[in-house]
């Protein structure tokens, strides 16, 4: 159960459906999306970042695509 009392969430009835152990709030890193992609490309270069109807892109490939696209936008 989360650290906040359920009674303070009366306006959020879906919390009653959370399984035991699922927190009502989570903390997360305050980083920009490009930072997450860069870190993932370093830690998991060959793992799938995208998989859509059989088309797969690894984190390394995605990072490269994003870098090339942003460089092109910058050049404009």
C-alpha atoms as a PDB file:
ATOM      1  CA  UNK A   1       0.000   0.000   0.000  1.00  0.00           C
ATOM      2  CA  UNK A   2       1.207   3.554  -0.652  1.00  0.00           C
ATOM      3  CA  UNK A   3       2.478   5.956   1.916  1.00  0.00           C
ATOM      4  CA  UNK A   4      -0.574   8.203   1.659  1.00  0.00           C
ATOM      5  CA  UNK A   5      -3.819   7.246   3.372  1.00  0.00           C
ATOM      6  CA  UNK A   6      -6.472   5.996   0.988  1.00  0.00           C
ATOM      7  CA  UNK A   7      -9.048   8.328   2.545  1.00  0.00           C
ATOM      8  CA  UNK A   8      -7.247  11.330   1.060  1.00  0.00           C
ATOM      9  CA  UNK A   9      -7.996   9.896  -2.414  1.00  0.00           C
ATOM     10  CA  UNK A  10     -11.800   9.811  -2.264  1.00  0.00           C
ATOM     11  CA  UNK A  11     -11.893  11.602  -5.602  1.00  0.00           C
ATOM     12  CA  UNK A  12      -9.820   8.765  -7.144  1.00  0.00           C
ATOM     13  CA  UNK A  13     -12.002   5.657  -6.850  1.00  0.00           C
ATOM     14  CA  UNK A  14      -9.731   3.592  -9.137  1.00  0.00           C
ATOM     15  CA  UNK A  15      -7.277   3.281  -6.249  1.00  0.00           C
ATOM     16  CA  UNK A  16      -9.636   0.723  -4.693  1.00  0.00           C
ATOM     17  CA  UNK A  17      -8.725  -1.581  -7.603  1.00  0.00           C
ATOM     18  CA  UNK A  18      -4.962  -1.427  -7.055  1.00  0.00           C
ATOM     19  CA  UNK A  19      -3.464  -4.743  -6.049  1.00  0.00           C
ATOM     20  CA  UNK A  20      -1.898  -5.048  -2.637  1.00  0.00           C
ATOM     21  CA  UNK A  21       1.592  -3.575  -2.634  1.00  0.00           C
ATOM     22  CA  UNK A  22       1.032  -1.161  -5.521  1.00  0.00           C
ATOM     23  CA  UNK A  23       1.894   2.359  -4.293  1.00  0.00           C
ATOM     24  CA  UNK A  24      -0.518   5.232  -4.825  1.00  0.00           C
ATOM     25  CA  UNK A  25       2.360   7.544  -5.669  1.00  0.00           C
ATOM     26  CA  UNK A  26       5.779   6.911  -7.133  1.00  0.00           C
ATOM     27  CA  UNK A  27       8.885   9.008  -7.209  1.00  0.00           C
ATOM     28  CA  UNK A  28      10.770   9.381 -10.442  1.00  0.00           C
ATOM     29  CA  UNK A  29      13.935  10.945 -11.736  1.00  0.00           C
ATOM     30  CA  UNK A  30      13.571  14.500 -12.967  1.00  0.00           C
ATOM     31  CA  UNK A  31      15.442  14.171 -16.249  1.00  0.00           C
ATOM     32  CA  UNK A  32      14.762  15.107 -19.815  1.00  0.00           C
ATOM     33  CA  UNK A  33      13.695  12.392 -22.226  1.00  0.00           C
ATOM     34  CA  UNK A  34      16.932  12.591 -24.255  1.00  0.00           C
ATOM     35  CA  UNK A  35      18.884  11.802 -21.070  1.00  0.00           C
ATOM     36  CA  UNK A  36      16.886   8.603 -20.569  1.00  0.00           C
ATOM     37  CA  UNK A  37      17.477   7.568 -24.173  1.00  0.00           C
ATOM     38  CA  UNK A  38      21.198   8.251 -23.971  1.00  0.00           C
ATOM     39  CA  UNK A  39      21.509   6.242 -20.761  1.00  0.00           C
ATOM     40  CA  UNK A  40      19.487   3.361 -22.194  1.00  0.00           C
ATOM     41  CA  UNK A  41      21.611   3.337 -25.356  1.00  0.00           C
ATOM     42  CA  UNK A  42      24.737   3.000 -23.209  1.00  0.00           C
ATOM     43  CA  UNK A  43      23.351   0.379 -20.825  1.00  0.00           C
ATOM     44  CA  UNK A  44      21.238  -1.667 -23.263  1.00  0.00           C
ATOM     45  CA  UNK A  45      22.546  -0.940 -26.774  1.00  0.00           C
ATOM     46  CA  UNK A  46      21.319  -4.184 -28.359  1.00  0.00           C
ATOM     47  CA  UNK A  47      17.952  -4.448 -26.606  1.00  0.00           C
ATOM     48  CA  UNK A  48      14.762  -3.505 -28.431  1.00  0.00           C
ATOM     49  CA  UNK A  49      13.592   0.036 -27.827  1.00  0.00           C
ATOM     50  CA  UNK A  50      10.772  -0.186 -30.363  1.00  0.00           C
ATOM     51  CA  UNK A  51       8.862  -3.139 -31.721  1.00  0.00           C
ATOM     52  CA  UNK A  52       5.977  -2.401 -34.053  1.00  0.00           C
ATOM     53  CA  UNK A  53       4.459  -5.100 -36.240  1.00  0.00           C
ATOM     54  CA  UNK A  54       7.801  -6.881 -36.490  1.00  0.00           C
ATOM     55  CA  UNK A  55       9.863  -3.755 -37.135  1.00  0.00           C
ATOM     56  CA  UNK A  56      12.460  -3.584 -34.372  1.00  0.00           C
ATOM     57  CA  UNK A  57      14.854  -0.802 -33.408  1.00  0.00           C
ATOM     58  CA  UNK A  58      17.497  -1.196 -30.713  1.00  0.00           C
ATOM     59  CA  UNK A  59      18.326   1.547 -28.231  1.00  0.00           C
ATOM     60  CA  UNK A  60      21.618   2.113 -30.033  1.00  0.00           C
ATOM     61  CA  UNK A  61      19.840   2.497 -33.387  1.00  0.00           C
ATOM     62  CA  UNK A  62      17.149   4.739 -31.911  1.00  0.00           C
ATOM     63  CA  UNK A  63      19.731   6.959 -30.267  1.00  0.00           C
ATOM     64  CA  UNK A  64      21.555   7.265 -33.594  1.00  0.00           C
ATOM     65  CA  UNK A  65      18.313   8.116 -35.407  1.00  0.00           C
ATOM     66  CA  UNK A  66      17.432  10.779 -32.853  1.00  0.00           C
ATOM     67  CA  UNK A  67      20.927  12.297 -32.999  1.00  0.00           C
ATOM     68  CA  UNK A  68      20.855  12.465 -36.808  1.00  0.00           C
ATOM     69  CA  UNK A  69      17.356  13.942 -36.857  1.00  0.00           C
ATOM     70  CA  UNK A  70      18.171  16.571 -34.249  1.00  0.00           C
ATOM     71  CA  UNK A  71      21.377  17.495 -36.133  1.00  0.00           C
ATOM     72  CA  UNK A  72      19.326  17.927 -39.306  1.00  0.00           C
ATOM     73  CA  UNK A  73      16.777  20.121 -37.530  1.00  0.00           C
ATOM     74  CA  UNK A  74      19.602  22.187 -36.071  1.00  0.00           C
ATOM     75  CA  UNK A  75      21.090  22.655 -39.546  1.00  0.00           C
ATOM     76  CA  UNK A  76      17.836  24.123 -40.801  1.00  0.00           C
END
